[in-house]
Amino acid sequence: MRKHLDRALVLVAIIVLWQAASLAFGEYWFGTPWGTLKRLAAGIWNGEIFRHASYTVLEALLGFVIGGVPAVALPFLLRKQPIVTAILDPFMVGGYGAPKLALAPLFIVWFGIGIESKMALVVFTVFFIVYFSTQAGLRALDARLVQIVRVLGANERQIARHVVLPGAIPYIFTGFRIALPYAIGGAVIAEILSSNRGLGYLLQSRAMDFDTTGVFVALIATAVVALGANAGLNAIERHLLRWRPPAEVTLETAAEH
């Protein structure tokens, strides 16, 4: 309850500062919270926000899956191949450090101005984040636990399914949670560079018209999409990790002792 109250207070503080900036510098530069809310409601009512947001979500979701699934599978495939992992590591680090925004024009040249170029940027962004997070989860696994299970007669497939994967899931979802806003942001950036629909296109068109309120509407819609996607990811994680005791219960038990 306290957490929700604190979040509400932070939201109120942001709105107050926004209104103060609008009064100090003028609506042309900052718009107003009320004016933005009315424009947002109008965009939802006439379907404009949903139409553009659904296109952005489709790009981000497809790229998220296409980039995330191999990023999880590859560390598992290389788990028993330390030499191959050592060979690939410098290339993975280089790919992770490559400026994603600088690659966007190249993807447009390769894949055109359609949805494929936006998906490619999302795939490239998500893959390396999830790969290194999954790899960290595998390396953090207690080797003694694997040895005990092997002594009890488990084969490699059983060990991977019942020991390695459950132990790595928190790390995997940490990677997904970090990659998620990058996926949505990557789709929006690609739309800004070249698109005729999507939240990035909406943001760019409003900026070209010097429509500050419209820009804020697009930004808020993007933030809402990111929050909704994060909530869905959290729900999936809770379902997969329902065997773990809640963090609050663990902390309370530790405090009692």
C-alpha atoms as a PDB file:
ATOM      1  CA  MET A   1       0.000   0.000   0.000  1.00  0.00           C
ATOM      2  CA  ARG A   2       2.833   2.393   0.890  1.00  0.00           C
ATOM      3  CA  LYS A   3       4.513   1.672  -2.441  1.00  0.00           C
ATOM      4  CA  HIS A   4       1.415   2.677  -4.421  1.00  0.00           C
ATOM      5  CA  LEU A   5       1.005   5.833  -2.330  1.00  0.00           C
ATOM      6  CA  ASP A   6       4.624   6.839  -2.953  1.00  0.00           C
ATOM      7  CA  ARG A   7       4.184   6.265  -6.689  1.00  0.00           C
ATOM      8  CA  ALA A   8       1.059   8.429  -6.685  1.00  0.00           C
ATOM      9  CA  LEU A   9       2.977  11.197  -4.909  1.00  0.00           C
ATOM     10  CA  VAL A  10       5.766  11.030  -7.484  1.00  0.00           C
ATOM     11  CA  LEU A  11       3.191  11.233 -10.289  1.00  0.00           C
ATOM     12  CA  VAL A  12       1.579  14.268  -8.665  1.00  0.00           C
ATOM     13  CA  ALA A  13       5.000  15.915  -8.307  1.00  0.00           C
ATOM     14  CA  ILE A  14       5.745  15.333 -12.002  1.00  0.00           C
ATOM     15  CA  ILE A  15       2.395  16.851 -13.015  1.00  0.00           C
ATOM     16  CA  VAL A  16       2.976  19.877 -10.745  1.00  0.00           C
ATOM     17  CA  LEU A  17       6.444  20.454 -12.207  1.00  0.00           C
ATOM     18  CA  TRP A  18       5.046  20.031 -15.715  1.00  0.00           C
ATOM     19  CA  GLN A  19       2.318  22.603 -15.043  1.00  0.00           C
ATOM     20  CA  ALA A  20       4.857  24.978 -13.481  1.00  0.00           C
ATOM     21  CA  ALA A  21       7.127  24.681 -16.539  1.00  0.00           C
ATOM     22  CA  SER A  22       4.147  25.352 -18.800  1.00  0.00           C
ATOM     23  CA  LEU A  23       3.260  28.488 -16.847  1.00  0.00           C
ATOM     24  CA  ALA A  24       6.869  29.669 -16.719  1.00  0.00           C
ATOM     25  CA  PHE A  25       7.848  29.079 -20.350  1.00  0.00           C
ATOM     26  CA  GLY A  26       4.501  28.945 -22.129  1.00  0.00           C
ATOM     27  CA  GLU A  27       2.292  26.238 -23.579  1.00  0.00           C
ATOM     28  CA  TYR A  28       4.149  26.363 -26.888  1.00  0.00           C
ATOM     29  CA  TRP A  29       7.218  24.801 -25.249  1.00  0.00           C
ATOM     30  CA  PHE A  30       5.694  22.435 -22.706  1.00  0.00           C
ATOM     31  CA  GLY A  31       1.960  22.207 -23.287  1.00  0.00           C
ATOM     32  CA  THR A  32      -0.182  21.560 -20.224  1.00  0.00           C
ATOM     33  CA  PRO A  33      -1.088  18.351 -18.414  1.00  0.00           C
ATOM     34  CA  TRP A  34      -4.805  18.981 -18.910  1.00  0.00           C
ATOM     35  CA  GLY A  35      -4.429  19.819 -22.584  1.00  0.00           C
ATOM     36  CA  THR A  36      -2.305  16.721 -23.134  1.00  0.00           C
ATOM     37  CA  LEU A  37      -4.844  14.558 -21.325  1.00  0.00           C
ATOM     38  CA  LYS A  38      -7.654  15.891 -23.518  1.00  0.00           C
ATOM     39  CA  ARG A  39      -5.657  15.252 -26.692  1.00  0.00           C
ATOM     40  CA  LEU A  40      -4.781  11.757 -25.464  1.00  0.00           C
ATOM     41  CA  ALA A  41      -8.419  10.993 -24.705  1.00  0.00           C
ATOM     42  CA  ALA A  42      -9.445  12.289 -28.137  1.00  0.00           C
ATOM     43  CA  GLY A  43      -6.771  10.140 -29.804  1.00  0.00           C
ATOM     44  CA  ILE A  44      -7.991   7.063 -27.952  1.00  0.00           C
ATOM     45  CA  TRP A  45     -11.610   7.851 -28.780  1.00  0.00           C
ATOM     46  CA  ASN A  46     -11.026   8.230 -32.527  1.00  0.00           C
ATOM     47  CA  GLY A  47      -8.698   5.208 -32.643  1.00  0.00           C
ATOM     48  CA  GLU A  48      -5.568   7.090 -33.724  1.00  0.00           C
ATOM     49  CA  ILE A  49      -3.520   6.141 -30.650  1.00  0.00           C
ATOM     50  CA  PHE A  50      -4.559   2.492 -30.821  1.00  0.00           C
ATOM     51  CA  ARG A  51      -3.787   2.289 -34.546  1.00  0.00           C
ATOM     52  CA  HIS A  52      -0.261   3.648 -34.170  1.00  0.00           C
ATOM     53  CA  ALA A  53       0.441   1.872 -30.875  1.00  0.00           C
ATOM     54  CA  SER A  54      -0.640  -1.512 -32.222  1.00  0.00           C
ATOM     55  CA  TYR A  55       1.844  -1.203 -35.094  1.00  0.00           C
ATOM     56  CA  THR A  56       4.678  -0.335 -32.698  1.00  0.00           C
ATOM     57  CA  VAL A  57       3.728  -3.167 -30.358  1.00  0.00           C
ATOM     58  CA  LEU A  58       3.699  -5.629 -33.269  1.00  0.00           C
ATOM     59  CA  GLU A  59       7.198  -4.580 -34.348  1.00  0.00           C
ATOM     60  CA  ALA A  60       8.549  -4.720 -30.803  1.00  0.00           C
ATOM     61  CA  LEU A  61       6.868  -8.038 -29.977  1.00  0.00           C
ATOM     62  CA  LEU A  62       8.063  -9.836 -33.108  1.00  0.00           C
ATOM     63  CA  GLY A  63      11.587  -8.489 -32.719  1.00  0.00           C
ATOM     64  CA  PHE A  64      11.529  -9.283 -28.996  1.00  0.00           C
ATOM     65  CA  VAL A  65      10.636 -12.934 -29.643  1.00  0.00           C
ATOM     66  CA  ILE A  66      12.919 -13.397 -32.655  1.00  0.00           C
ATOM     67  CA  GLY A  67      15.842 -11.873 -30.785  1.00  0.00           C
ATOM     68  CA  GLY A  68      15.076 -13.265 -27.335  1.00  0.00           C
ATOM     69  CA  VAL A  69      14.512 -16.960 -28.061  1.00  0.00           C
ATOM     70  CA  PRO A  70      17.919 -17.588 -29.721  1.00  0.00           C
ATOM     71  CA  ALA A  71      19.553 -15.447 -27.040  1.00  0.00           C
ATOM     72  CA  VAL A  72      18.249 -17.852 -24.384  1.00  0.00           C
ATOM     73  CA  ALA A  73      18.932 -21.022 -26.365  1.00  0.00           C
ATOM     74  CA  LEU A  74      22.511 -20.235 -27.399  1.00  0.00           C
ATOM     75  CA  PRO A  75      24.062 -20.116 -23.886  1.00  0.00           C
ATOM     76  CA  PHE A  76      22.397 -23.471 -23.102  1.00  0.00           C
ATOM     77  CA  LEU A  77      23.821 -24.966 -26.293  1.00  0.00           C
ATOM     78  CA  LEU A  78      27.283 -23.617 -25.420  1.00  0.00           C
ATOM     79  CA  ARG A  79      27.121 -24.620 -21.749  1.00  0.00           C
ATOM     80  CA  LYS A  80      29.404 -27.624 -22.338  1.00  0.00           C
ATOM     81  CA  GLN A  81      31.525 -25.839 -24.962  1.00  0.00           C
ATOM     82  CA  PRO A  82      33.832 -23.454 -23.049  1.00  0.00           C
ATOM     83  CA  ILE A  83      36.294 -23.167 -25.940  1.00  0.00           C
ATOM     84  CA  VAL A  84      33.571 -22.151 -28.409  1.00  0.00           C
ATOM     85  CA  THR A  85      32.172 -19.725 -25.821  1.00  0.00           C
ATOM     86  CA  ALA A  86      35.614 -18.151 -25.352  1.00  0.00           C
ATOM     87  CA  ILE A  87      35.991 -17.777 -29.127  1.00  0.00           C
ATOM     88  CA  LEU A  88      32.576 -16.123 -29.507  1.00  0.00           C
ATOM     89  CA  ASP A  89      32.806 -13.825 -26.467  1.00  0.00           C
ATOM     90  CA  PRO A  90      34.760 -10.964 -28.131  1.00  0.00           C
ATOM     91  CA  PHE A  91      32.305 -10.906 -31.029  1.00  0.00           C
ATOM     92  CA  MET A  92      29.346 -10.923 -28.650  1.00  0.00           C
ATOM     93  CA  VAL A  93      30.843  -8.065 -26.659  1.00  0.00           C
ATOM     94  CA  GLY A  94      31.453  -6.150 -29.882  1.00  0.00           C
ATOM     95  CA  GLY A  95      27.863  -6.693 -30.985  1.00  0.00           C
ATOM     96  CA  TYR A  96      26.576  -5.627 -27.586  1.00  0.00           C
ATOM     97  CA  GLY A  97      28.645  -2.450 -27.674  1.00  0.00           C
ATOM     98  CA  ALA A  98      27.791  -1.526 -31.264  1.00  0.00           C
ATOM     99  CA  PRO A  99      25.716   1.687 -31.464  1.00  0.00           C
ATOM    100  CA  LYS A 100      22.235   0.471 -32.291  1.00  0.00           C
ATOM    101  CA  LEU A 101      20.978   3.824 -33.558  1.00  0.00           C
ATOM    102  CA  ALA A 102      23.845   4.028 -36.041  1.00  0.00           C
ATOM    103  CA  LEU A 103      22.777   0.660 -37.479  1.00  0.00           C
ATOM    104  CA  ALA A 104      19.184   1.737 -38.120  1.00  0.00           C
ATOM    105  CA  PRO A 105      19.903   3.363 -41.529  1.00  0.00           C
ATOM    106  CA  LEU A 106      21.783   0.241 -42.572  1.00  0.00           C
ATOM    107  CA  PHE A 107      18.812  -1.948 -41.690  1.00  0.00           C
ATOM    108  CA  ILE A 108      16.584   0.342 -43.731  1.00  0.00           C
ATOM    109  CA  VAL A 109      18.898  -0.128 -46.740  1.00  0.00           C
ATOM    110  CA  TRP A 110      18.918  -3.907 -46.259  1.00  0.00           C
ATOM    111  CA  PHE A 111      15.268  -4.536 -45.377  1.00  0.00           C
ATOM    112  CA  GLY A 112      13.438  -1.521 -46.746  1.00  0.00           C
ATOM    113  CA  ILE A 113      11.136   0.937 -45.013  1.00  0.00           C
ATOM    114  CA  GLY A 114       8.564  -1.666 -43.953  1.00  0.00           C
ATOM    115  CA  ILE A 115       8.179  -3.526 -40.694  1.00  0.00           C
ATOM    116  CA  GLU A 116      11.228  -5.741 -41.372  1.00  0.00           C
ATOM    117  CA  SER A 117      13.792  -2.983 -40.768  1.00  0.00           C
ATOM    118  CA  LYS A 118      12.151  -2.045 -37.456  1.00  0.00           C
ATOM    119  CA  MET A 119      12.096  -5.679 -36.358  1.00  0.00           C
ATOM    120  CA  ALA A 120      15.762  -6.077 -37.310  1.00  0.00           C
ATOM    121  CA  LEU A 121      16.773  -3.196 -35.059  1.00  0.00           C
ATOM    122  CA  VAL A 122      14.753  -4.647 -32.175  1.00  0.00           C
ATOM    123  CA  VAL A 123      16.239  -8.131 -32.728  1.00  0.00           C
ATOM    124  CA  PHE A 124      19.774  -6.771 -32.709  1.00  0.00           C
ATOM    125  CA  THR A 125      19.079  -4.770 -29.547  1.00  0.00           C
ATOM    126  CA  VAL A 126      17.366  -7.546 -27.591  1.00  0.00           C
ATOM    127  CA  PHE A 127      19.619 -10.458 -28.525  1.00  0.00           C
ATOM    128  CA  PHE A 128      22.809  -9.348 -26.805  1.00  0.00           C
ATOM    129  CA  ILE A 129      21.121  -8.148 -23.616  1.00  0.00           C
ATOM    130  CA  VAL A 130      19.273 -11.429 -23.104  1.00  0.00           C
ATOM    131  CA  TYR A 131      22.283 -13.513 -24.198  1.00  0.00           C
ATOM    132  CA  PHE A 132      24.628 -12.066 -21.576  1.00  0.00           C
ATOM    133  CA  SER A 133      21.966 -12.198 -18.876  1.00  0.00           C
ATOM    134  CA  THR A 134      21.260 -15.873 -19.605  1.00  0.00           C
ATOM    135  CA  GLN A 135      24.965 -16.625 -19.691  1.00  0.00           C
ATOM    136  CA  ALA A 136      25.360 -14.977 -16.286  1.00  0.00           C
ATOM    137  CA  GLY A 137      22.558 -17.175 -14.925  1.00  0.00           C
ATOM    138  CA  LEU A 138      24.265 -20.341 -16.138  1.00  0.00           C
ATOM    139  CA  ARG A 139      27.593 -19.292 -14.676  1.00  0.00           C
ATOM    140  CA  ALA A 140      25.996 -18.465 -11.331  1.00  0.00           C
ATOM    141  CA  LEU A 141      24.567 -21.976 -10.972  1.00  0.00           C
ATOM    142  CA  ASP A 142      25.990 -23.910  -8.016  1.00  0.00           C
ATOM    143  CA  ALA A 143      28.137 -26.687  -9.514  1.00  0.00           C
ATOM    144  CA  ARG A 144      27.717 -28.751  -6.355  1.00  0.00           C
ATOM    145  CA  LEU A 145      23.979 -28.927  -6.914  1.00  0.00           C
ATOM    146  CA  VAL A 146      24.535 -30.267 -10.438  1.00  0.00           C
ATOM    147  CA  GLN A 147      26.976 -32.870  -9.101  1.00  0.00           C
ATOM    148  CA  ILE A 148      24.513 -34.035  -6.444  1.00  0.00           C
ATOM    149  CA  VAL A 149      21.730 -34.474  -8.997  1.00  0.00           C
ATOM    150  CA  ARG A 150      24.108 -36.316 -11.325  1.00  0.00           C
ATOM    151  CA  VAL A 151      25.102 -38.682  -8.498  1.00  0.00           C
ATOM    152  CA  LEU A 152      21.414 -39.396  -7.919  1.00  0.00           C
ATOM    153  CA  GLY A 153      21.204 -40.678 -11.507  1.00  0.00           C
ATOM    154  CA  ALA A 154      19.948 -37.724 -13.525  1.00  0.00           C
ATOM    155  CA  ASN A 155      21.085 -37.470 -17.141  1.00  0.00           C
ATOM    156  CA  GLU A 156      22.142 -34.259 -18.882  1.00  0.00           C
ATOM    157  CA  ARG A 157      18.675 -33.535 -20.266  1.00  0.00           C
ATOM    158  CA  GLN A 158      17.085 -33.920 -16.823  1.00  0.00           C
ATOM    159  CA  ILE A 159      19.773 -31.742 -15.259  1.00  0.00           C
ATOM    160  CA  ALA A 160      19.234 -29.035 -17.867  1.00  0.00           C
ATOM    161  CA  ARG A 161      15.445 -29.116 -17.480  1.00  0.00           C
ATOM    162  CA  HIS A 162      15.063 -29.499 -13.721  1.00  0.00           C
ATOM    163  CA  VAL A 163      18.186 -27.807 -12.341  1.00  0.00           C
ATOM    164  CA  VAL A 164      19.878 -25.509 -14.834  1.00  0.00           C
ATOM    165  CA  LEU A 165      16.802 -23.914 -16.398  1.00  0.00           C
ATOM    166  CA  PRO A 166      14.954 -23.149 -13.115  1.00  0.00           C
ATOM    167  CA  GLY A 167      18.142 -21.655 -11.696  1.00  0.00           C
ATOM    168  CA  ALA A 168      18.668 -19.481 -14.754  1.00  0.00           C
ATOM    169  CA  ILE A 169      15.067 -18.252 -15.135  1.00  0.00           C
ATOM    170  CA  PRO A 170      15.463 -15.238 -12.789  1.00  0.00           C
ATOM    171  CA  TYR A 171      18.490 -14.108 -14.805  1.00  0.00           C
ATOM    172  CA  ILE A 172      16.681 -14.712 -18.087  1.00  0.00           C
ATOM    173  CA  PHE A 173      13.747 -12.581 -17.018  1.00  0.00           C
ATOM    174  CA  THR A 174      16.088  -9.904 -15.738  1.00  0.00           C
ATOM    175  CA  GLY A 175      17.533  -9.771 -19.248  1.00  0.00           C
ATOM    176  CA  PHE A 176      14.067  -9.653 -20.790  1.00  0.00           C
ATOM    177  CA  ARG A 177      12.993  -6.923 -18.381  1.00  0.00           C
ATOM    178  CA  ILE A 178      16.040  -4.827 -19.265  1.00  0.00           C
ATOM    179  CA  ALA A 179      15.617  -5.501 -22.994  1.00  0.00           C
ATOM    180  CA  LEU A 180      11.890  -4.718 -23.085  1.00  0.00           C
ATOM    181  CA  PRO A 181      12.074  -0.899 -22.981  1.00  0.00           C
ATOM    182  CA  TYR A 182      14.980  -1.035 -25.426  1.00  0.00           C
ATOM    183  CA  ALA A 183      12.817  -3.098 -27.779  1.00  0.00           C
ATOM    184  CA  ILE A 184       9.987  -0.572 -27.695  1.00  0.00           C
ATOM    185  CA  GLY A 185      12.433   2.329 -27.893  1.00  0.00           C
ATOM    186  CA  GLY A 186      14.211   0.715 -30.841  1.00  0.00           C
ATOM    187  CA  ALA A 187      10.932   0.294 -32.712  1.00  0.00           C
ATOM    188  CA  VAL A 188      10.004   3.926 -32.042  1.00  0.00           C
ATOM    189  CA  ILE A 189      13.420   5.185 -33.180  1.00  0.00           C
ATOM    190  CA  ALA A 190      13.217   3.149 -36.389  1.00  0.00           C
ATOM    191  CA  GLU A 191       9.750   4.591 -37.031  1.00  0.00           C
ATOM    192  CA  ILE A 192      11.086   8.112 -36.540  1.00  0.00           C
ATOM    193  CA  LEU A 193      13.741   7.488 -39.184  1.00  0.00           C
ATOM    194  CA  SER A 194      11.431   5.916 -41.754  1.00  0.00           C
ATOM    195  CA  SER A 195       7.774   5.033 -41.359  1.00  0.00           C
ATOM    196  CA  ASN A 196       4.260   6.181 -42.144  1.00  0.00           C
ATOM    197  CA  ARG A 197       2.674   4.745 -39.001  1.00  0.00           C
ATOM    198  CA  GLY A 198       3.518   3.832 -35.433  1.00  0.00           C
ATOM    199  CA  LEU A 199       4.150   5.885 -32.307  1.00  0.00           C
ATOM    200  CA  GLY A 200       7.523   6.990 -33.662  1.00  0.00           C
ATOM    201  CA  TYR A 201       5.865   8.310 -36.811  1.00  0.00           C
ATOM    202  CA  LEU A 202       3.242  10.037 -34.668  1.00  0.00           C
ATOM    203  CA  LEU A 203       5.956  11.630 -32.556  1.00  0.00           C
ATOM    204  CA  GLN A 204       7.941  12.746 -35.609  1.00  0.00           C
ATOM    205  CA  SER A 205       4.935  14.192 -37.431  1.00  0.00           C
ATOM    206  CA  ARG A 206       3.850  16.158 -34.356  1.00  0.00           C
ATOM    207  CA  ALA A 207       7.382  17.479 -33.882  1.00  0.00           C
ATOM    208  CA  MET A 208       7.531  18.573 -37.533  1.00  0.00           C
ATOM    209  CA  ASP A 209       4.298  20.498 -36.959  1.00  0.00           C
ATOM    210  CA  PHE A 210       5.771  22.083 -33.787  1.00  0.00           C
ATOM    211  CA  ASP A 211       2.877  20.499 -31.893  1.00  0.00           C
ATOM    212  CA  THR A 212       4.372  20.162 -28.406  1.00  0.00           C
ATOM    213  CA  THR A 213       1.185  18.780 -26.900  1.00  0.00           C
ATOM    214  CA  GLY A 214       1.006  16.153 -29.629  1.00  0.00           C
ATOM    215  CA  VAL A 215       4.612  15.144 -28.890  1.00  0.00           C
ATOM    216  CA  PHE A 216       3.753  14.678 -25.221  1.00  0.00           C
ATOM    217  CA  VAL A 217       0.733  12.580 -26.201  1.00  0.00           C
ATOM    218  CA  ALA A 218       2.947  10.271 -28.259  1.00  0.00           C
ATOM    219  CA  LEU A 219       5.504  10.053 -25.443  1.00  0.00           C
ATOM    220  CA  ILE A 220       2.837   9.182 -22.878  1.00  0.00           C
ATOM    221  CA  ALA A 221       1.359   6.544 -25.198  1.00  0.00           C
ATOM    222  CA  THR A 222       4.837   5.021 -25.598  1.00  0.00           C
ATOM    223  CA  ALA A 223       5.351   4.997 -21.838  1.00  0.00           C
ATOM    224  CA  VAL A 224       1.974   3.325 -21.291  1.00  0.00           C
ATOM    225  CA  VAL A 225       2.849   0.631 -23.847  1.00  0.00           C
ATOM    226  CA  ALA A 226       6.157  -0.004 -22.065  1.00  0.00           C
ATOM    227  CA  LEU A 227       4.460  -0.197 -18.662  1.00  0.00           C
ATOM    228  CA  GLY A 228       1.795  -2.572 -19.952  1.00  0.00           C
ATOM    229  CA  ALA A 229       4.396  -4.833 -21.577  1.00  0.00           C
ATOM    230  CA  ASN A 230       6.447  -4.859 -18.391  1.00  0.00           C
ATOM    231  CA  ALA A 231       3.378  -5.806 -16.346  1.00  0.00           C
ATOM    232  CA  GLY A 232       2.686  -8.713 -18.709  1.00  0.00           C
ATOM    233  CA  LEU A 233       6.296  -9.883 -18.443  1.00  0.00           C
ATOM    234  CA  ASN A 234       6.120  -9.720 -14.653  1.00  0.00           C
ATOM    235  CA  ALA A 235       2.955 -11.834 -14.689  1.00  0.00           C
ATOM    236  CA  ILE A 236       4.670 -14.499 -16.818  1.00  0.00           C
ATOM    237  CA  GLU A 237       7.677 -14.494 -14.491  1.00  0.00           C
ATOM    238  CA  ARG A 238       5.475 -14.909 -11.409  1.00  0.00           C
ATOM    239  CA  HIS A 239       3.755 -17.863 -13.064  1.00  0.00           C
ATOM    240  CA  LEU A 240       7.009 -19.594 -13.979  1.00  0.00           C
ATOM    241  CA  LEU A 241       8.553 -18.906 -10.565  1.00  0.00           C
ATOM    242  CA  ARG A 242       5.478 -19.662  -8.485  1.00  0.00           C
ATOM    243  CA  TRP A 243       7.472 -22.393  -6.711  1.00  0.00           C
ATOM    244  CA  ARG A 244       9.659 -19.744  -5.059  1.00  0.00           C
ATOM    245  CA  PRO A 245       8.568 -18.213  -1.730  1.00  0.00           C
ATOM    246  CA  PRO A 246       7.545 -14.563  -2.054  1.00  0.00           C
ATOM    247  CA  ALA A 247      10.359 -12.109  -1.398  1.00  0.00           C
ATOM    248  CA  GLU A 248       8.356 -10.404   1.332  1.00  0.00           C
ATOM    249  CA  VAL A 249       7.856 -13.655   3.242  1.00  0.00           C
ATOM    250  CA  THR A 250      11.557 -14.476   2.966  1.00  0.00           C
ATOM    251  CA  LEU A 251      12.557 -11.094   4.298  1.00  0.00           C
ATOM    252  CA  GLU A 252      10.105 -11.301   7.191  1.00  0.00           C
ATOM    253  CA  THR A 253      11.334 -14.761   8.146  1.00  0.00           C
ATOM    254  CA  ALA A 254      14.938 -13.590   8.080  1.00  0.00           C
ATOM    255  CA  ALA A 255      14.063 -10.592  10.273  1.00  0.00           C
ATOM    256  CA  GLU A 256      12.431 -12.829  12.859  1.00  0.00           C
ATOM    257  CA  HIS A 257      15.606 -14.854  13.225  1.00  0.00           C
END
